[in-house]
Amino acid sequence: MHMLFRTLLHVLFLSRRKPDLGHWDVARTRFITLPTDLDINRHMNNGVYYSIMDVARFDMLVRNGIWKTMLDQGWYPVVASETITFRKSLSLWQRFTIESKVLGFDDKAVYVEQRFVRPGPDGKPEIYAQGLIRGRFLKKSGGIVPIPELVEAFGADGMGELPEWIHRWGEDVALPPTRAEAPSTWA
């Protein structure tokens, strides 16, 4: 429930007070590790990282203007795949920033990289964790928003080619489509 309040705080208030962003700009969203974020080891629970990444992506969507377009079109974003790699733990009351950046898109999805950063010993931002998200946009009326329609509506032309490893990752982790069979069998 506390994540709902964090999301509303950022989307309704904090994001609107920050500078606007272009589609390819890095969004920086600040957070603090709260007691409700901790696990039994007294560091941020691995599942909380994903939830806070959601909040930071919403902040990015509001600031780059996509949020308004989504509402006008009756679209909403969903995560199709995501992965995270941890480097250092975040402890109680530590302040950190999530850097979010749209990397590009393929014929089915949009790819976003997100980094949890804190100042290192030299004062420069140091990565604590890094996540990769493969997302899609759905229509409230039903169906998937095609990428060309997204690009046109968002005015998001001009992105270079995604690295090959991202294409491979997107294909390797994808499950069958919703209406296709997906039996649970173990080798």
N, C-alpha and C. Protein backbone atom coordinates (compact mmCIF):
# COMPACT_ATOMS: atom_id res chain seq x y z
N MET A 1 0.82 -1.19 0.00
CA MET A 1 0.00 0.00 0.00
C MET A 1 0.87 1.27 0.00
N HIS A 2 2.01 1.20 0.71
CA HIS A 2 2.86 2.39 0.76
C HIS A 2 3.39 2.76 -0.63
N MET A 3 3.52 1.78 -1.53
CA MET A 3 4.01 2.08 -2.87
C MET A 3 2.98 2.89 -3.65
N LEU A 4 1.70 2.66 -3.39
CA LEU A 4 0.65 3.46 -4.01
C LEU A 4 0.83 4.93 -3.64
N PHE A 5 1.10 5.20 -2.37
CA PHE A 5 1.30 6.58 -1.94
C PHE A 5 2.54 7.20 -2.57
N ARG A 6 3.61 6.41 -2.68
CA ARG A 6 4.83 6.90 -3.34
C ARG A 6 4.54 7.25 -4.80
N THR A 7 3.81 6.37 -5.46
CA THR A 7 3.48 6.61 -6.87
C THR A 7 2.66 7.87 -7.02
N LEU A 8 1.60 8.00 -6.22
CA LEU A 8 0.75 9.19 -6.31
C LEU A 8 1.53 10.46 -5.97
N LEU A 9 2.39 10.39 -4.97
CA LEU A 9 3.21 11.55 -4.60
C LEU A 9 4.04 12.02 -5.79
N HIS A 10 4.69 11.08 -6.47
CA HIS A 10 5.54 11.44 -7.60
C HIS A 10 4.73 11.88 -8.81
N VAL A 11 3.72 11.10 -9.19
CA VAL A 11 2.97 11.40 -10.41
C VAL A 11 2.13 12.68 -10.27
N LEU A 12 1.49 12.85 -9.15
CA LEU A 12 0.59 13.99 -8.99
C LEU A 12 1.28 15.27 -8.55
N PHE A 13 2.40 15.16 -7.83
CA PHE A 13 3.00 16.37 -7.27
C PHE A 13 4.45 16.59 -7.69
N LEU A 14 5.33 15.68 -7.33
CA LEU A 14 6.77 15.92 -7.52
C LEU A 14 7.17 16.00 -8.99
N SER A 15 6.66 15.09 -9.83
CA SER A 15 7.05 15.08 -11.24
C SER A 15 6.68 16.39 -11.94
N ARG A 16 5.57 16.96 -11.57
CA ARG A 16 5.08 18.17 -12.22
C ARG A 16 5.90 19.41 -11.83
N ARG A 17 6.72 19.30 -10.80
CA ARG A 17 7.54 20.42 -10.36
C ARG A 17 8.96 20.36 -10.90
N LYS A 18 9.25 19.31 -11.66
CA LYS A 18 10.58 19.14 -12.23
C LYS A 18 10.58 19.60 -13.68
N PRO A 19 11.77 19.82 -14.24
CA PRO A 19 11.83 20.25 -15.65
C PRO A 19 11.32 19.16 -16.59
N ASP A 20 10.74 19.62 -17.70
CA ASP A 20 10.31 18.68 -18.74
C ASP A 20 11.52 17.99 -19.34
N LEU A 21 11.28 16.81 -19.92
CA LEU A 21 12.35 16.04 -20.55
C LEU A 21 12.00 15.73 -21.99
N GLY A 22 13.03 15.53 -22.81
CA GLY A 22 12.85 14.98 -24.14
C GLY A 22 12.72 13.46 -24.03
N HIS A 23 12.29 12.81 -25.09
CA HIS A 23 12.08 11.37 -25.06
C HIS A 23 13.34 10.58 -24.74
N TRP A 24 14.48 11.09 -25.16
CA TRP A 24 15.72 10.33 -25.02
C TRP A 24 16.58 10.84 -23.86
N ASP A 25 16.06 11.78 -23.06
CA ASP A 25 16.81 12.31 -21.92
C ASP A 25 16.78 11.34 -20.75
N VAL A 26 17.76 11.47 -19.86
CA VAL A 26 17.80 10.68 -18.64
C VAL A 26 16.95 11.39 -17.59
N ALA A 27 15.98 10.65 -17.04
CA ALA A 27 15.16 11.17 -15.93
C ALA A 27 15.82 10.75 -14.63
N ARG A 28 15.97 11.69 -13.71
CA ARG A 28 16.54 11.39 -12.40
C ARG A 28 15.47 11.62 -11.35
N THR A 29 15.17 10.55 -10.60
CA THR A 29 14.11 10.58 -9.60
C THR A 29 14.72 10.19 -8.26
N ARG A 30 14.54 11.05 -7.26
CA ARG A 30 15.17 10.82 -5.96
C ARG A 30 14.24 10.07 -5.00
N PHE A 31 14.87 9.21 -4.20
CA PHE A 31 14.15 8.42 -3.21
C PHE A 31 14.98 8.31 -1.95
N ILE A 32 14.36 7.74 -0.92
CA ILE A 32 15.06 7.39 0.32
C ILE A 32 14.57 6.00 0.72
N THR A 33 15.47 5.18 1.25
CA THR A 33 15.11 3.83 1.68
C THR A 33 14.33 3.93 2.98
N LEU A 34 13.08 3.48 2.95
CA LEU A 34 12.18 3.56 4.10
C LEU A 34 12.16 2.23 4.86
N PRO A 35 11.71 2.25 6.12
CA PRO A 35 11.61 0.99 6.88
C PRO A 35 10.76 -0.07 6.17
N THR A 36 9.73 0.34 5.46
CA THR A 36 8.86 -0.61 4.75
C THR A 36 9.54 -1.22 3.52
N ASP A 37 10.71 -0.72 3.13
CA ASP A 37 11.46 -1.24 1.98
C ASP A 37 12.40 -2.38 2.37
N LEU A 38 12.60 -2.59 3.67
CA LEU A 38 13.64 -3.50 4.13
C LEU A 38 13.18 -4.95 4.22
N ASP A 39 14.15 -5.86 4.08
CA ASP A 39 13.87 -7.27 4.30
C ASP A 39 14.54 -7.70 5.61
N ILE A 40 14.58 -8.98 5.85
CA ILE A 40 15.13 -9.50 7.11
C ILE A 40 16.62 -9.19 7.28
N ASN A 41 17.31 -8.94 6.17
CA ASN A 41 18.74 -8.60 6.23
C ASN A 41 18.98 -7.10 6.43
N ARG A 42 17.91 -6.34 6.62
CA ARG A 42 17.96 -4.90 6.90
C ARG A 42 18.53 -4.10 5.73
N HIS A 43 18.33 -4.59 4.52
CA HIS A 43 18.61 -3.79 3.33
C HIS A 43 17.38 -3.85 2.44
N MET A 44 17.37 -3.03 1.39
CA MET A 44 16.19 -2.98 0.54
C MET A 44 15.89 -4.35 -0.05
N ASN A 45 14.65 -4.77 0.09
CA ASN A 45 14.19 -6.05 -0.43
C ASN A 45 14.28 -6.04 -1.95
N ASN A 46 14.70 -7.17 -2.55
CA ASN A 46 14.87 -7.19 -4.00
C ASN A 46 13.58 -6.89 -4.75
N GLY A 47 12.43 -7.28 -4.24
CA GLY A 47 11.17 -6.98 -4.91
C GLY A 47 10.82 -5.50 -4.88
N VAL A 48 11.28 -4.80 -3.85
CA VAL A 48 11.01 -3.36 -3.74
C VAL A 48 11.72 -2.60 -4.85
N TYR A 49 12.89 -3.08 -5.27
CA TYR A 49 13.60 -2.41 -6.36
C TYR A 49 12.69 -2.29 -7.59
N TYR A 50 12.01 -3.39 -7.92
CA TYR A 50 11.10 -3.37 -9.08
C TYR A 50 9.97 -2.36 -8.89
N SER A 51 9.40 -2.33 -7.68
CA SER A 51 8.29 -1.40 -7.41
C SER A 51 8.74 0.05 -7.51
N ILE A 52 9.93 0.34 -6.99
CA ILE A 52 10.42 1.71 -7.05
C ILE A 52 10.81 2.08 -8.49
N MET A 53 11.26 1.09 -9.26
CA MET A 53 11.52 1.35 -10.68
C MET A 53 10.23 1.76 -11.39
N ASP A 54 9.11 1.15 -11.02
CA ASP A 54 7.81 1.54 -11.58
C ASP A 54 7.53 3.02 -11.31
N VAL A 55 7.73 3.44 -10.06
CA VAL A 55 7.48 4.83 -9.69
C VAL A 55 8.36 5.77 -10.52
N ALA A 56 9.63 5.42 -10.67
CA ALA A 56 10.55 6.26 -11.44
C ALA A 56 10.16 6.31 -12.92
N ARG A 57 9.65 5.20 -13.46
CA ARG A 57 9.21 5.23 -14.86
C ARG A 57 8.00 6.13 -15.03
N PHE A 58 7.09 6.10 -14.07
CA PHE A 58 5.94 7.01 -14.13
C PHE A 58 6.40 8.46 -14.08
N ASP A 59 7.39 8.75 -13.24
CA ASP A 59 7.96 10.10 -13.18
C ASP A 59 8.49 10.49 -14.55
N MET A 60 9.22 9.59 -15.20
CA MET A 60 9.78 9.86 -16.52
C MET A 60 8.65 10.11 -17.53
N LEU A 61 7.60 9.29 -17.50
CA LEU A 61 6.49 9.43 -18.44
C LEU A 61 5.76 10.76 -18.29
N VAL A 62 5.61 11.21 -17.06
CA VAL A 62 4.98 12.51 -16.83
C VAL A 62 5.86 13.62 -17.38
N ARG A 63 7.15 13.55 -17.09
CA ARG A 63 8.06 14.64 -17.45
C ARG A 63 8.36 14.71 -18.94
N ASN A 64 8.31 13.58 -19.67
CA ASN A 64 8.59 13.65 -21.10
C ASN A 64 7.32 13.78 -21.93
N GLY A 65 6.17 13.95 -21.27
CA GLY A 65 4.92 14.23 -21.97
C GLY A 65 4.16 13.00 -22.44
N ILE A 66 4.74 11.82 -22.27
CA ILE A 66 4.06 10.60 -22.73
C ILE A 66 2.82 10.30 -21.89
N TRP A 67 2.87 10.60 -20.60
CA TRP A 67 1.74 10.34 -19.71
C TRP A 67 0.46 10.99 -20.23
N LYS A 68 0.55 12.26 -20.61
CA LYS A 68 -0.63 12.98 -21.10
C LYS A 68 -1.15 12.36 -22.40
N THR A 69 -0.24 12.03 -23.30
CA THR A 69 -0.64 11.39 -24.56
C THR A 69 -1.32 10.05 -24.30
N MET A 70 -0.78 9.28 -23.36
CA MET A 70 -1.38 7.99 -23.00
C MET A 70 -2.81 8.17 -22.51
N LEU A 71 -3.00 9.13 -21.61
CA LEU A 71 -4.34 9.37 -21.08
C LEU A 71 -5.30 9.80 -22.19
N ASP A 72 -4.82 10.70 -23.06
CA ASP A 72 -5.66 11.18 -24.16
C ASP A 72 -6.06 10.05 -25.11
N GLN A 73 -5.15 9.11 -25.35
CA GLN A 73 -5.37 8.01 -26.29
C GLN A 73 -6.07 6.80 -25.67
N GLY A 74 -6.15 6.77 -24.34
CA GLY A 74 -6.71 5.59 -23.68
C GLY A 74 -5.75 4.41 -23.67
N TRP A 75 -4.46 4.71 -23.50
CA TRP A 75 -3.42 3.68 -23.47
C TRP A 75 -2.85 3.57 -22.06
N TYR A 76 -2.22 2.43 -21.79
CA TYR A 76 -1.50 2.29 -20.53
C TYR A 76 -0.30 1.36 -20.73
N PRO A 77 0.79 1.61 -19.96
CA PRO A 77 2.00 0.81 -20.13
C PRO A 77 1.96 -0.45 -19.27
N VAL A 78 2.56 -1.51 -19.77
CA VAL A 78 2.73 -2.74 -19.00
C VAL A 78 4.17 -3.24 -19.20
N VAL A 79 4.67 -3.92 -18.20
CA VAL A 79 5.99 -4.52 -18.29
C VAL A 79 5.82 -5.92 -18.88
N ALA A 80 6.53 -6.21 -19.95
CA ALA A 80 6.52 -7.54 -20.55
C ALA A 80 7.64 -8.40 -19.97
N SER A 81 8.80 -7.79 -19.74
CA SER A 81 9.96 -8.49 -19.18
C SER A 81 10.80 -7.47 -18.42
N GLU A 82 11.46 -7.95 -17.39
CA GLU A 82 12.41 -7.09 -16.69
C GLU A 82 13.43 -7.95 -15.97
N THR A 83 14.60 -7.38 -15.82
CA THR A 83 15.68 -8.05 -15.12
C THR A 83 16.47 -6.99 -14.36
N ILE A 84 17.11 -7.42 -13.29
CA ILE A 84 17.90 -6.49 -12.50
C ILE A 84 19.18 -7.18 -12.05
N THR A 85 20.26 -6.40 -11.96
CA THR A 85 21.52 -6.88 -11.44
C THR A 85 21.91 -5.99 -10.27
N PHE A 86 22.28 -6.64 -9.16
CA PHE A 86 22.62 -5.90 -7.95
C PHE A 86 24.13 -5.84 -7.76
N ARG A 87 24.60 -4.69 -7.30
CA ARG A 87 26.03 -4.48 -7.07
C ARG A 87 26.32 -4.17 -5.61
N LYS A 88 25.53 -3.26 -5.03
CA LYS A 88 25.66 -2.87 -3.62
C LYS A 88 24.26 -2.76 -3.02
N SER A 89 24.17 -2.93 -1.71
CA SER A 89 22.89 -2.85 -1.02
C SER A 89 22.54 -1.40 -0.68
N LEU A 90 21.24 -1.15 -0.61
CA LEU A 90 20.73 0.12 -0.11
C LEU A 90 20.19 -0.12 1.29
N SER A 91 20.64 0.68 2.26
CA SER A 91 20.27 0.51 3.66
C SER A 91 19.27 1.57 4.10
N LEU A 92 18.73 1.36 5.27
CA LEU A 92 17.72 2.26 5.84
C LEU A 92 18.18 3.71 5.83
N TRP A 93 17.31 4.57 5.38
CA TRP A 93 17.46 6.03 5.30
C TRP A 93 18.48 6.49 4.26
N GLN A 94 19.06 5.59 3.50
CA GLN A 94 19.99 6.03 2.44
C GLN A 94 19.20 6.70 1.33
N ARG A 95 19.71 7.84 0.89
CA ARG A 95 19.12 8.52 -0.25
C ARG A 95 19.77 7.97 -1.52
N PHE A 96 18.96 7.85 -2.57
CA PHE A 96 19.47 7.35 -3.84
C PHE A 96 18.66 7.95 -4.97
N THR A 97 19.19 7.86 -6.15
CA THR A 97 18.53 8.37 -7.35
C THR A 97 18.36 7.23 -8.32
N ILE A 98 17.21 7.18 -8.98
CA ILE A 98 17.03 6.25 -10.09
C ILE A 98 17.15 7.06 -11.37
N GLU A 99 18.08 6.65 -12.21
CA GLU A 99 18.25 7.24 -13.54
C GLU A 99 17.52 6.35 -14.53
N SER A 100 16.56 6.91 -15.24
CA SER A 100 15.74 6.15 -16.20
C SER A 100 15.96 6.71 -17.59
N LYS A 101 16.15 5.82 -18.56
CA LYS A 101 16.37 6.26 -19.93
C LYS A 101 15.73 5.28 -20.91
N VAL A 102 14.97 5.83 -21.85
CA VAL A 102 14.43 5.02 -22.94
C VAL A 102 15.60 4.72 -23.88
N LEU A 103 15.85 3.43 -24.10
CA LEU A 103 16.95 3.02 -24.97
C LEU A 103 16.52 2.95 -26.42
N GLY A 104 15.26 2.62 -26.65
CA GLY A 104 14.76 2.50 -28.01
C GLY A 104 13.64 1.49 -28.06
N PHE A 105 13.36 0.99 -29.26
CA PHE A 105 12.24 0.07 -29.44
C PHE A 105 12.54 -0.87 -30.59
N ASP A 106 11.84 -2.00 -30.58
CA ASP A 106 11.89 -2.91 -31.72
C ASP A 106 10.48 -2.96 -32.30
N ASP A 107 10.15 -3.99 -33.02
CA ASP A 107 8.83 -4.04 -33.66
C ASP A 107 7.70 -4.37 -32.69
N LYS A 108 8.03 -4.74 -31.43
CA LYS A 108 6.99 -5.12 -30.47
C LYS A 108 7.02 -4.35 -29.16
N ALA A 109 8.18 -3.83 -28.76
CA ALA A 109 8.31 -3.30 -27.41
C ALA A 109 9.24 -2.09 -27.33
N VAL A 110 9.13 -1.41 -26.20
CA VAL A 110 9.99 -0.28 -25.86
C VAL A 110 10.94 -0.76 -24.75
N TYR A 111 12.19 -0.35 -24.81
CA TYR A 111 13.20 -0.78 -23.85
C TYR A 111 13.67 0.40 -23.02
N VAL A 112 13.74 0.20 -21.70
CA VAL A 112 14.15 1.24 -20.76
C VAL A 112 15.23 0.67 -19.85
N GLU A 113 16.27 1.45 -19.63
CA GLU A 113 17.29 1.10 -18.64
C GLU A 113 17.10 1.98 -17.42
N GLN A 114 17.24 1.38 -16.24
CA GLN A 114 17.14 2.14 -15.00
C GLN A 114 18.30 1.76 -14.08
N ARG A 115 18.89 2.78 -13.48
CA ARG A 115 20.03 2.58 -12.59
C ARG A 115 19.75 3.20 -11.23
N PHE A 116 20.07 2.47 -10.18
CA PHE A 116 20.03 2.99 -8.81
C PHE A 116 21.42 3.53 -8.54
N VAL A 117 21.53 4.81 -8.26
CA VAL A 117 22.86 5.42 -8.06
C VAL A 117 22.90 6.21 -6.75
N ARG A 118 24.11 6.26 -6.20
CA ARG A 118 24.42 7.08 -5.02
C ARG A 118 25.81 7.65 -5.24
N PRO A 119 26.12 8.72 -4.55
CA PRO A 119 27.47 9.26 -4.68
C PRO A 119 28.52 8.26 -4.19
N GLY A 120 29.56 8.08 -5.00
CA GLY A 120 30.67 7.23 -4.60
C GLY A 120 31.64 8.00 -3.71
N PRO A 121 32.73 7.37 -3.31
CA PRO A 121 33.71 8.03 -2.45
C PRO A 121 34.26 9.32 -3.05
N ASP A 122 34.32 9.38 -4.38
CA ASP A 122 34.83 10.57 -5.05
C ASP A 122 33.72 11.59 -5.35
N GLY A 123 32.48 11.29 -4.92
CA GLY A 123 31.35 12.19 -5.14
C GLY A 123 30.63 11.98 -6.46
N LYS A 124 31.21 11.18 -7.35
CA LYS A 124 30.57 10.91 -8.64
C LYS A 124 29.51 9.82 -8.47
N PRO A 125 28.45 9.85 -9.30
CA PRO A 125 27.41 8.82 -9.19
C PRO A 125 27.98 7.42 -9.40
N GLU A 126 27.59 6.51 -8.50
CA GLU A 126 28.05 5.13 -8.55
C GLU A 126 26.82 4.22 -8.65
N ILE A 127 26.86 3.25 -9.55
CA ILE A 127 25.73 2.35 -9.75
C ILE A 127 25.66 1.31 -8.63
N TYR A 128 24.48 1.21 -7.99
CA TYR A 128 24.23 0.20 -6.98
C TYR A 128 23.47 -0.98 -7.57
N ALA A 129 22.56 -0.72 -8.51
CA ALA A 129 21.81 -1.76 -9.20
C ALA A 129 21.41 -1.22 -10.56
N GLN A 130 21.18 -2.15 -11.50
CA GLN A 130 20.82 -1.75 -12.86
C GLN A 130 19.72 -2.68 -13.37
N GLY A 131 18.66 -2.08 -13.91
CA GLY A 131 17.55 -2.87 -14.42
C GLY A 131 17.30 -2.60 -15.89
N LEU A 132 16.75 -3.59 -16.58
CA LEU A 132 16.37 -3.46 -17.98
C LEU A 132 14.91 -3.88 -18.09
N ILE A 133 14.11 -3.06 -18.74
CA ILE A 133 12.68 -3.29 -18.86
C ILE A 133 12.29 -3.34 -20.32
N ARG A 134 11.46 -4.30 -20.66
CA ARG A 134 10.86 -4.42 -21.99
C ARG A 134 9.38 -4.19 -21.77
N GLY A 135 8.86 -3.08 -22.29
CA GLY A 135 7.48 -2.72 -22.03
C GLY A 135 6.66 -2.58 -23.29
N ARG A 136 5.36 -2.68 -23.10
CA ARG A 136 4.43 -2.50 -24.21
C ARG A 136 3.34 -1.55 -23.75
N PHE A 137 2.60 -1.04 -24.70
CA PHE A 137 1.47 -0.19 -24.38
C PHE A 137 0.20 -0.88 -24.87
N LEU A 138 -0.78 -0.92 -24.00
CA LEU A 138 -2.06 -1.56 -24.33
C LEU A 138 -3.15 -0.50 -24.43
N LYS A 139 -4.19 -0.85 -25.17
CA LYS A 139 -5.35 0.03 -25.32
C LYS A 139 -6.41 -0.38 -24.31
N LYS A 140 -7.01 0.60 -23.63
CA LYS A 140 -8.09 0.29 -22.70
C LYS A 140 -9.26 -0.37 -23.41
N SER A 141 -9.40 -0.10 -24.69
CA SER A 141 -10.46 -0.71 -25.50
C SER A 141 -10.10 -2.14 -25.91
N GLY A 142 -8.87 -2.55 -25.64
CA GLY A 142 -8.40 -3.89 -25.96
C GLY A 142 -7.34 -3.87 -27.04
N GLY A 143 -6.37 -4.73 -26.91
CA GLY A 143 -5.31 -4.86 -27.91
C GLY A 143 -4.05 -4.10 -27.55
N ILE A 144 -3.03 -4.33 -28.36
CA ILE A 144 -1.71 -3.74 -28.18
C ILE A 144 -1.58 -2.53 -29.10
N VAL A 145 -0.94 -1.49 -28.61
CA VAL A 145 -0.66 -0.32 -29.44
C VAL A 145 0.56 -0.65 -30.30
N PRO A 146 0.42 -0.65 -31.63
CA PRO A 146 1.58 -0.94 -32.49
C PRO A 146 2.68 0.12 -32.32
N ILE A 147 3.92 -0.32 -32.42
CA ILE A 147 5.05 0.59 -32.24
C ILE A 147 5.00 1.78 -33.20
N PRO A 148 4.70 1.61 -34.49
CA PRO A 148 4.63 2.79 -35.36
C PRO A 148 3.60 3.82 -34.89
N GLU A 149 2.49 3.34 -34.32
CA GLU A 149 1.47 4.26 -33.79
C GLU A 149 1.99 4.99 -32.55
N LEU A 150 2.75 4.28 -31.72
CA LEU A 150 3.38 4.91 -30.55
C LEU A 150 4.36 5.99 -30.97
N VAL A 151 5.23 5.65 -31.89
CA VAL A 151 6.26 6.58 -32.35
C VAL A 151 5.61 7.84 -32.91
N GLU A 152 4.56 7.68 -33.69
CA GLU A 152 3.87 8.83 -34.27
C GLU A 152 3.20 9.68 -33.19
N ALA A 153 2.49 9.04 -32.27
CA ALA A 153 1.78 9.78 -31.22
C ALA A 153 2.72 10.49 -30.28
N PHE A 154 3.85 9.84 -29.95
CA PHE A 154 4.79 10.43 -29.00
C PHE A 154 5.80 11.35 -29.67
N GLY A 155 5.86 11.32 -31.01
CA GLY A 155 6.85 12.13 -31.71
C GLY A 155 8.25 11.69 -31.34
N ALA A 156 8.46 10.38 -31.27
CA ALA A 156 9.72 9.84 -30.74
C ALA A 156 10.64 9.29 -31.81
N ASP A 157 10.67 9.91 -32.97
CA ASP A 157 11.60 9.47 -34.02
C ASP A 157 13.04 9.78 -33.61
N GLY A 158 13.97 9.23 -34.35
CA GLY A 158 15.36 9.64 -34.20
C GLY A 158 16.21 8.77 -33.30
N MET A 159 15.71 7.62 -32.88
CA MET A 159 16.52 6.75 -32.04
C MET A 159 17.32 5.80 -32.90
N GLY A 160 18.56 5.58 -32.52
CA GLY A 160 19.41 4.65 -33.24
C GLY A 160 19.02 3.21 -32.98
N GLU A 161 19.76 2.31 -33.55
CA GLU A 161 19.49 0.88 -33.42
C GLU A 161 19.82 0.40 -32.00
N LEU A 162 18.99 -0.49 -31.46
CA LEU A 162 19.26 -1.11 -30.17
C LEU A 162 20.45 -2.07 -30.31
N PRO A 163 21.25 -2.21 -29.27
CA PRO A 163 22.34 -3.19 -29.33
C PRO A 163 21.79 -4.61 -29.53
N GLU A 164 22.55 -5.44 -30.19
CA GLU A 164 22.11 -6.81 -30.49
C GLU A 164 21.76 -7.60 -29.24
N TRP A 165 22.52 -7.41 -28.15
CA TRP A 165 22.25 -8.17 -26.93
C TRP A 165 20.88 -7.86 -26.35
N ILE A 166 20.38 -6.63 -26.55
CA ILE A 166 19.04 -6.30 -26.06
C ILE A 166 17.98 -7.02 -26.89
N HIS A 167 18.17 -7.06 -28.20
CA HIS A 167 17.25 -7.83 -29.05
C HIS A 167 17.22 -9.30 -28.61
N ARG A 168 18.40 -9.85 -28.39
CA ARG A 168 18.51 -11.25 -27.99
C ARG A 168 17.82 -11.49 -26.66
N TRP A 169 18.08 -10.61 -25.69
CA TRP A 169 17.45 -10.72 -24.37
C TRP A 169 15.93 -10.68 -24.51
N GLY A 170 15.41 -9.72 -25.28
CA GLY A 170 13.97 -9.60 -25.46
C GLY A 170 13.35 -10.86 -26.04
N GLU A 171 14.04 -11.47 -26.98
CA GLU A 171 13.54 -12.72 -27.59
C GLU A 171 13.69 -13.90 -26.64
N ASP A 172 14.81 -13.96 -25.93
CA ASP A 172 15.09 -15.10 -25.06
C ASP A 172 14.16 -15.19 -23.85
N VAL A 173 13.71 -14.08 -23.34
CA VAL A 173 12.88 -14.10 -22.13
C VAL A 173 11.38 -14.03 -22.43
N ALA A 174 11.01 -13.82 -23.68
CA ALA A 174 9.59 -13.68 -24.03
C ALA A 174 8.85 -15.01 -23.87
N LEU A 175 7.66 -14.93 -23.32
CA LEU A 175 6.76 -16.07 -23.24
C LEU A 175 5.86 -16.08 -24.48
N PRO A 176 5.16 -17.19 -24.72
CA PRO A 176 4.24 -17.22 -25.86
C PRO A 176 3.14 -16.16 -25.71
N PRO A 177 2.53 -15.74 -26.81
CA PRO A 177 1.43 -14.78 -26.73
C PRO A 177 0.30 -15.29 -25.83
N THR A 178 -0.54 -14.38 -25.38
CA THR A 178 -1.62 -14.68 -24.44
C THR A 178 -2.52 -15.82 -24.91
N ARG A 179 -2.86 -15.84 -26.17
CA ARG A 179 -3.79 -16.85 -26.68
C ARG A 179 -3.11 -18.15 -27.10
N ALA A 180 -1.81 -18.19 -27.08
CA ALA A 180 -1.06 -19.41 -27.43
C ALA A 180 -0.93 -20.31 -26.21
N GLU A 181 -0.70 -21.57 -26.44
CA GLU A 181 -0.48 -22.49 -25.33
C GLU A 181 0.86 -22.18 -24.66
N ALA A 182 0.88 -22.36 -23.35
CA ALA A 182 2.11 -22.16 -22.57
C ALA A 182 2.13 -23.17 -21.43
N PRO A 183 2.30 -24.46 -21.76
CA PRO A 183 2.24 -25.48 -20.73
C PRO A 183 3.43 -25.37 -19.77
N SER A 184 3.20 -25.69 -18.52
CA SER A 184 4.26 -25.70 -17.51
C SER A 184 4.83 -27.11 -17.43
N THR A 185 5.92 -27.31 -18.14
CA THR A 185 6.61 -28.61 -18.11
C THR A 185 8.04 -28.38 -17.68
N TRP A 186 8.54 -29.27 -16.86
CA TRP A 186 9.92 -29.17 -16.38
C TRP A 186 10.74 -30.24 -17.07
N ALA A 187 11.93 -29.88 -17.46
CA ALA A 187 12.82 -30.85 -18.14
C ALA A 187 13.41 -31.82 -17.15
